[in-house]
Amino acid sequence: MLGQWRGEPAWLQAEEVPDGDECQQPMALAAQLEQGRDSTTEMNFGGGGSAYVFRCTCASGRAKMLWQC
């Protein structure tokens, strides 16, 4: 499995849900991406890390991405 769509993040470290810049409300997980199994084609998120893509639930439509390893 290389991640998930929506739902609850599977944090590798402490929870880091960002707030929207305009509404200051917690953003919703859009996708979680895991590094992968093949070192020649994997996404590099710091050696076994995951990237988290969040979307704002207000009308701004903005998104943020962060990663943990």
PDB file of N, CA and C in Angstrom:
ATOM      1  N   MET A   1       0.843  -1.174   0.000  1.00  0.00           N
ATOM      2  CA  MET A   1       0.000   0.000   0.000  1.00  0.00           C
ATOM      3  C   MET A   1       0.888   1.237   0.000  1.00  0.00           C
ATOM      4  N   LEU A   2       0.553   2.197  -0.826  1.00  0.00           N
ATOM      5  CA  LEU A   2       1.374   3.401  -0.928  1.00  0.00           C
ATOM      6  C   LEU A   2       0.690   4.622  -0.332  1.00  0.00           C
ATOM      7  N   GLY A   3      -0.292   4.416   0.526  1.00  0.00           N
ATOM      8  CA  GLY A   3      -0.948   5.541   1.166  1.00  0.00           C
ATOM      9  C   GLY A   3      -2.449   5.352   1.215  1.00  0.00           C
ATOM     10  N   GLN A   4      -3.148   6.493   1.297  1.00  0.00           N
ATOM     11  CA  GLN A   4      -4.604   6.452   1.389  1.00  0.00           C
ATOM     12  C   GLN A   4      -5.195   7.770   0.921  1.00  0.00           C
ATOM     13  N   TRP A   5      -6.479   7.736   0.603  1.00  0.00           N
ATOM     14  CA  TRP A   5      -7.267   8.928   0.295  1.00  0.00           C
ATOM     15  C   TRP A   5      -8.134   9.235   1.504  1.00  0.00           C
ATOM     16  N   ARG A   6      -8.182  10.460   1.920  1.00  0.00           N
ATOM     17  CA  ARG A   6      -9.063  10.933   2.989  1.00  0.00           C
ATOM     18  C   ARG A   6      -8.925  10.121   4.269  1.00  0.00           C
ATOM     19  N   GLY A   7      -9.856  10.309   5.183  1.00  0.00           N
ATOM     20  CA  GLY A   7      -9.844   9.576   6.440  1.00  0.00           C
ATOM     21  C   GLY A   7      -8.933  10.210   7.472  1.00  0.00           C
ATOM     22  N   GLU A   8      -8.407   9.382   8.347  1.00  0.00           N
ATOM     23  CA  GLU A   8      -7.521   9.837   9.415  1.00  0.00           C
ATOM     24  C   GLU A   8      -6.075   9.515   9.051  1.00  0.00           C
ATOM     25  N   PRO A   9      -5.163  10.475   9.226  1.00  0.00           N
ATOM     26  CA  PRO A   9      -3.755  10.210   8.929  1.00  0.00           C
ATOM     27  C   PRO A   9      -3.171   9.147   9.855  1.00  0.00           C
ATOM     28  N   ALA A  10      -2.284   8.336   9.327  1.00  0.00           N
ATOM     29  CA  ALA A  10      -1.510   7.395  10.135  1.00  0.00           C
ATOM     30  C   ALA A  10      -0.172   8.085  10.418  1.00  0.00           C
ATOM     31  N   TRP A  11      -0.147   8.869  11.479  1.00  0.00           N
ATOM     32  CA  TRP A  11       1.034   9.679  11.795  1.00  0.00           C
ATOM     33  C   TRP A  11       2.225   8.801  12.162  1.00  0.00           C
ATOM     34  N   LEU A  12       3.397   9.183  11.687  1.00  0.00           N
ATOM     35  CA  LEU A  12       4.636   8.505  12.070  1.00  0.00           C
ATOM     36  C   LEU A  12       5.197   9.120  13.347  1.00  0.00           C
ATOM     37  N   GLN A  13       4.887  10.376  13.579  1.00  0.00           N
ATOM     38  CA  GLN A  13       5.304  11.088  14.792  1.00  0.00           C
ATOM     39  C   GLN A  13       4.052  11.698  15.414  1.00  0.00           C
ATOM     40  N   ALA A  14       4.192  12.830  16.054  1.00  0.00           N
ATOM     41  CA  ALA A  14       3.057  13.501  16.681  1.00  0.00           C
ATOM     42  C   ALA A  14       2.115  14.076  15.618  1.00  0.00           C
ATOM     43  N   GLU A  15       0.839  14.185  15.969  1.00  0.00           N
ATOM     44  CA  GLU A  15      -0.169  14.765  15.074  1.00  0.00           C
ATOM     45  C   GLU A  15       0.206  16.203  14.717  1.00  0.00           C
ATOM     46  N   GLU A  16       0.037  16.548  13.416  1.00  0.00           N
ATOM     47  CA  GLU A  16       0.382  17.888  12.932  1.00  0.00           C
ATOM     48  C   GLU A  16      -0.674  18.433  11.971  1.00  0.00           C
ATOM     49  N   VAL A  17      -1.936  18.283  12.266  1.00  0.00           N
ATOM     50  CA  VAL A  17      -2.975  18.765  11.359  1.00  0.00           C
ATOM     51  C   VAL A  17      -2.878  20.290  11.255  1.00  0.00           C
ATOM     52  N   PRO A  18      -2.643  20.818  10.047  1.00  0.00           N
ATOM     53  CA  PRO A  18      -2.525  22.271   9.908  1.00  0.00           C
ATOM     54  C   PRO A  18      -3.892  22.953   9.921  1.00  0.00           C
ATOM     55  N   ASP A  19      -3.890  24.223  10.272  1.00  0.00           N
ATOM     56  CA  ASP A  19      -5.094  25.048  10.194  1.00  0.00           C
ATOM     57  C   ASP A  19      -5.097  25.803   8.876  1.00  0.00           C
ATOM     58  N   GLY A  20      -6.278  26.097   8.359  1.00  0.00           N
ATOM     59  CA  GLY A  20      -6.410  26.908   7.156  1.00  0.00           C
ATOM     60  C   GLY A  20      -5.938  28.334   7.422  1.00  0.00           C
ATOM     61  N   ASP A  21      -5.301  28.950   6.444  1.00  0.00           N
ATOM     62  CA  ASP A  21      -4.775  30.305   6.614  1.00  0.00           C
ATOM     63  C   ASP A  21      -5.888  31.333   6.792  1.00  0.00           C
ATOM     64  N   GLU A  22      -6.996  31.134   6.105  1.00  0.00           N
ATOM     65  CA  GLU A  22      -8.076  32.117   6.155  1.00  0.00           C
ATOM     66  C   GLU A  22      -9.079  31.836   7.268  1.00  0.00           C
ATOM     67  N   CYS A  23      -9.482  30.588   7.435  1.00  0.00           N
ATOM     68  CA  CYS A  23     -10.545  30.258   8.400  1.00  0.00           C
ATOM     69  C   CYS A  23     -10.007  29.842   9.767  1.00  0.00           C
ATOM     70  N   GLN A  24      -8.715  29.509   9.846  1.00  0.00           N
ATOM     71  CA  GLN A  24      -8.082  29.066  11.092  1.00  0.00           C
ATOM     72  C   GLN A  24      -8.713  27.797  11.674  1.00  0.00           C
ATOM     73  N   GLN A  25      -9.348  26.979  10.827  1.00  0.00           N
ATOM     74  CA  GLN A  25      -9.951  25.716  11.234  1.00  0.00           C
ATOM     75  C   GLN A  25      -9.049  24.563  10.790  1.00  0.00           C
ATOM     76  N   PRO A  26      -9.071  23.432  11.510  1.00  0.00           N
ATOM     77  CA  PRO A  26      -8.257  22.283  11.100  1.00  0.00           C
ATOM     78  C   PRO A  26      -8.611  21.841   9.676  1.00  0.00           C
ATOM     79  N   MET A  27      -7.581  21.556   8.893  1.00  0.00           N
ATOM     80  CA  MET A  27      -7.771  21.105   7.517  1.00  0.00           C
ATOM     81  C   MET A  27      -8.070  19.607   7.500  1.00  0.00           C
ATOM     82  N   ALA A  28      -8.657  19.118   6.408  1.00  0.00           N
ATOM     83  CA  ALA A  28      -9.016  17.709   6.255  1.00  0.00           C
ATOM     84  C   ALA A  28      -7.962  16.986   5.413  1.00  0.00           C
ATOM     85  N   LEU A  29      -7.662  15.755   5.772  1.00  0.00           N
ATOM     86  CA  LEU A  29      -6.712  14.958   4.998  1.00  0.00           C
ATOM     87  C   LEU A  29      -7.281  14.685   3.613  1.00  0.00           C
ATOM     88  N   ALA A  30      -6.521  15.006   2.589  1.00  0.00           N
ATOM     89  CA  ALA A  30      -6.897  14.684   1.218  1.00  0.00           C
ATOM     90  C   ALA A  30      -6.209  13.393   0.783  1.00  0.00           C
ATOM     91  N   ALA A  31      -4.920  13.239   1.161  1.00  0.00           N
ATOM     92  CA  ALA A  31      -4.168  12.039   0.794  1.00  0.00           C
ATOM     93  C   ALA A  31      -2.956  11.882   1.699  1.00  0.00           C
ATOM     94  N   GLN A  32      -2.584  10.635   1.922  1.00  0.00           N
ATOM     95  CA  GLN A  32      -1.333  10.310   2.585  1.00  0.00           C
ATOM     96  C   GLN A  32      -0.525   9.463   1.625  1.00  0.00           C
ATOM     97  N   LEU A  33       0.713   9.858   1.388  1.00  0.00           N
ATOM     98  CA  LEU A  33       1.580   9.158   0.445  1.00  0.00           C
ATOM     99  C   LEU A  33       2.745   8.537   1.198  1.00  0.00           C
ATOM    100  N   GLU A  34       2.962   7.258   0.994  1.00  0.00           N
ATOM    101  CA  GLU A  34       4.082   6.574   1.621  1.00  0.00           C
ATOM    102  C   GLU A  34       5.234   6.476   0.634  1.00  0.00           C
ATOM    103  N   GLN A  35       6.422   6.296   1.156  1.00  0.00           N
ATOM    104  CA  GLN A  35       7.630   6.349   0.348  1.00  0.00           C
ATOM    105  C   GLN A  35       7.671   5.326  -0.772  1.00  0.00           C
ATOM    106  N   GLY A  36       7.311   4.104  -0.527  1.00  0.00           N
ATOM    107  CA  GLY A  36       7.349   3.061  -1.549  1.00  0.00           C
ATOM    108  C   GLY A  36       8.353   1.979  -1.219  1.00  0.00           C
ATOM    109  N   ARG A  37       8.382   0.958  -2.033  1.00  0.00           N
ATOM    110  CA  ARG A  37       9.211  -0.214  -1.748  1.00  0.00           C
ATOM    111  C   ARG A  37      10.412  -0.355  -2.666  1.00  0.00           C
ATOM    112  N   ASP A  38      10.426   0.336  -3.787  1.00  0.00           N
ATOM    113  CA  ASP A  38      11.495   0.194  -4.778  1.00  0.00           C
ATOM    114  C   ASP A  38      12.384   1.431  -4.734  1.00  0.00           C
ATOM    115  N   SER A  39      13.612   1.276  -4.290  1.00  0.00           N
ATOM    116  CA  SER A  39      14.503   2.425  -4.101  1.00  0.00           C
ATOM    117  C   SER A  39      14.831   3.174  -5.391  1.00  0.00           C
ATOM    118  N   THR A  40      14.597   2.567  -6.540  1.00  0.00           N
ATOM    119  CA  THR A  40      14.896   3.261  -7.801  1.00  0.00           C
ATOM    120  C   THR A  40      13.739   4.136  -8.276  1.00  0.00           C
ATOM    121  N   THR A  41      12.527   3.905  -7.772  1.00  0.00           N
ATOM    122  CA  THR A  41      11.372   4.692  -8.226  1.00  0.00           C
ATOM    123  C   THR A  41      10.570   5.324  -7.090  1.00  0.00           C
ATOM    124  N   GLU A  42      10.975   5.113  -5.853  1.00  0.00           N
ATOM    125  CA  GLU A  42      10.190   5.606  -4.720  1.00  0.00           C
ATOM    126  C   GLU A  42      10.228   7.128  -4.591  1.00  0.00           C
ATOM    127  N   MET A  43       9.202   7.662  -3.942  1.00  0.00           N
ATOM    128  CA  MET A  43       9.201   9.064  -3.546  1.00  0.00           C
ATOM    129  C   MET A  43      10.067   9.147  -2.292  1.00  0.00           C
ATOM    130  N   ASN A  44      10.881  10.160  -2.159  1.00  0.00           N
ATOM    131  CA  ASN A  44      11.786  10.259  -1.019  1.00  0.00           C
ATOM    132  C   ASN A  44      11.208  11.195   0.032  1.00  0.00           C
ATOM    133  N   PHE A  45      10.700  10.621   1.110  1.00  0.00           N
ATOM    134  CA  PHE A  45      10.183  11.394   2.228  1.00  0.00           C
ATOM    135  C   PHE A  45      11.043  11.174   3.459  1.00  0.00           C
ATOM    136  N   GLY A  46      12.346  11.090   3.269  1.00  0.00           N
ATOM    137  CA  GLY A  46      13.271  11.025   4.393  1.00  0.00           C
ATOM    138  C   GLY A  46      13.520   9.645   4.961  1.00  0.00           C
ATOM    139  N   GLY A  47      13.568   8.630   4.136  1.00  0.00           N
ATOM    140  CA  GLY A  47      13.888   7.289   4.613  1.00  0.00           C
ATOM    141  C   GLY A  47      12.759   6.624   5.361  1.00  0.00           C
ATOM    142  N   GLY A  48      11.732   6.195   4.644  1.00  0.00           N
ATOM    143  CA  GLY A  48      10.590   5.525   5.254  1.00  0.00           C
ATOM    144  C   GLY A  48       9.508   6.472   5.722  1.00  0.00           C
ATOM    145  N   GLY A  49       9.560   7.705   5.279  1.00  0.00           N
ATOM    146  CA  GLY A  49       8.587   8.704   5.701  1.00  0.00           C
ATOM    147  C   GLY A  49       7.289   8.670   4.921  1.00  0.00           C
ATOM    148  N   SER A  50       6.393   9.561   5.322  1.00  0.00           N
ATOM    149  CA  SER A  50       5.100   9.730   4.658  1.00  0.00           C
ATOM    150  C   SER A  50       4.842  11.208   4.433  1.00  0.00           C
ATOM    151  N   ALA A  51       4.161  11.524   3.335  1.00  0.00           N
ATOM    152  CA  ALA A  51       3.715  12.889   3.064  1.00  0.00           C
ATOM    153  C   ALA A  51       2.219  12.950   3.316  1.00  0.00           C
ATOM    154  N   TYR A  52       1.762  14.090   3.795  1.00  0.00           N
ATOM    155  CA  TYR A  52       0.352  14.293   4.132  1.00  0.00           C
ATOM    156  C   TYR A  52      -0.137  15.531   3.388  1.00  0.00           C
ATOM    157  N   VAL A  53      -1.187  15.373   2.615  1.00  0.00           N
ATOM    158  CA  VAL A  53      -1.771  16.482   1.859  1.00  0.00           C
ATOM    159  C   VAL A  53      -3.117  16.805   2.503  1.00  0.00           C
ATOM    160  N   PHE A  54      -3.291  18.064   2.887  1.00  0.00           N
ATOM    161  CA  PHE A  54      -4.519  18.512   3.539  1.00  0.00           C
ATOM    162  C   PHE A  54      -5.207  19.553   2.675  1.00  0.00           C
ATOM    163  N   ARG A  55      -6.533  19.608   2.776  1.00  0.00           N
ATOM    164  CA  ARG A  55      -7.310  20.620   2.057  1.00  0.00           C
ATOM    165  C   ARG A  55      -8.148  21.390   3.059  1.00  0.00           C
ATOM    166  N   CYS A  56      -8.354  22.657   2.761  1.00  0.00           N
ATOM    167  CA  CYS A  56      -9.159  23.495   3.623  1.00  0.00           C
ATOM    168  C   CYS A  56     -10.629  23.145   3.426  1.00  0.00           C
ATOM    169  N   THR A  57     -11.369  23.103   4.500  1.00  0.00           N
ATOM    170  CA  THR A  57     -12.786  22.767   4.421  1.00  0.00           C
ATOM    171  C   THR A  57     -13.650  24.006   4.204  1.00  0.00           C
ATOM    172  N   CYS A  58     -13.049  25.198   4.215  1.00  0.00           N
ATOM    173  CA  CYS A  58     -13.811  26.417   3.943  1.00  0.00           C
ATOM    174  C   CYS A  58     -13.789  26.694   2.433  1.00  0.00           C
ATOM    175  N   ALA A  59     -14.299  27.797   2.031  1.00  0.00           N
ATOM    176  CA  ALA A  59     -14.440  28.121   0.613  1.00  0.00           C
ATOM    177  C   ALA A  59     -13.128  28.495  -0.081  1.00  0.00           C
ATOM    178  N   SER A  60     -12.034  28.634   0.667  1.00  0.00           N
ATOM    179  CA  SER A  60     -10.783  29.077   0.043  1.00  0.00           C
ATOM    180  C   SER A  60     -10.215  28.056  -0.935  1.00  0.00           C
ATOM    181  N   GLY A  61     -10.438  26.768  -0.684  1.00  0.00           N
ATOM    182  CA  GLY A  61      -9.925  25.724  -1.573  1.00  0.00           C
ATOM    183  C   GLY A  61      -8.415  25.534  -1.501  1.00  0.00           C
ATOM    184  N   ARG A  62      -7.771  26.074  -0.490  1.00  0.00           N
ATOM    185  CA  ARG A  62      -6.306  25.962  -0.382  1.00  0.00           C
ATOM    186  C   ARG A  62      -5.895  24.595   0.165  1.00  0.00           C
ATOM    187  N   ALA A  63      -4.639  24.250  -0.071  1.00  0.00           N
ATOM    188  CA  ALA A  63      -4.107  22.973   0.394  1.00  0.00           C
ATOM    189  C   ALA A  63      -2.719  23.191   0.994  1.00  0.00           C
ATOM    190  N   LYS A  64      -2.313  22.233   1.821  1.00  0.00           N
ATOM    191  CA  LYS A  64      -0.967  22.232   2.413  1.00  0.00           C
ATOM    192  C   LYS A  64      -0.452  20.805   2.414  1.00  0.00           C
ATOM    193  N   MET A  65       0.879  20.690   2.329  1.00  0.00           N
ATOM    194  CA  MET A  65       1.522  19.385   2.388  1.00  0.00           C
ATOM    195  C   MET A  65       2.642  19.437   3.422  1.00  0.00           C
ATOM    196  N   LEU A  66       2.785  18.359   4.171  1.00  0.00           N
ATOM    197  CA  LEU A  66       3.900  18.226   5.095  1.00  0.00           C
ATOM    198  C   LEU A  66       4.340  16.773   5.083  1.00  0.00           C
ATOM    199  N   TRP A  67       5.497  16.489   5.646  1.00  0.00           N
ATOM    200  CA  TRP A  67       5.918  15.095   5.724  1.00  0.00           C
ATOM    201  C   TRP A  67       6.593  14.826   7.048  1.00  0.00           C
ATOM    202  N   GLN A  68       6.603  13.559   7.404  1.00  0.00           N
ATOM    203  CA  GLN A  68       7.256  13.082   8.605  1.00  0.00           C
ATOM    204  C   GLN A  68       8.101  11.870   8.235  1.00  0.00           C
ATOM    205  N   CYS A  69       9.176  11.684   8.974  1.00  0.00           N
ATOM    206  CA  CYS A  69      10.002  10.485   8.765  1.00  0.00           C
ATOM    207  C   CYS A  69      10.491   9.963  10.086  1.00  0.00           C
TER     208      CYS A  69
END
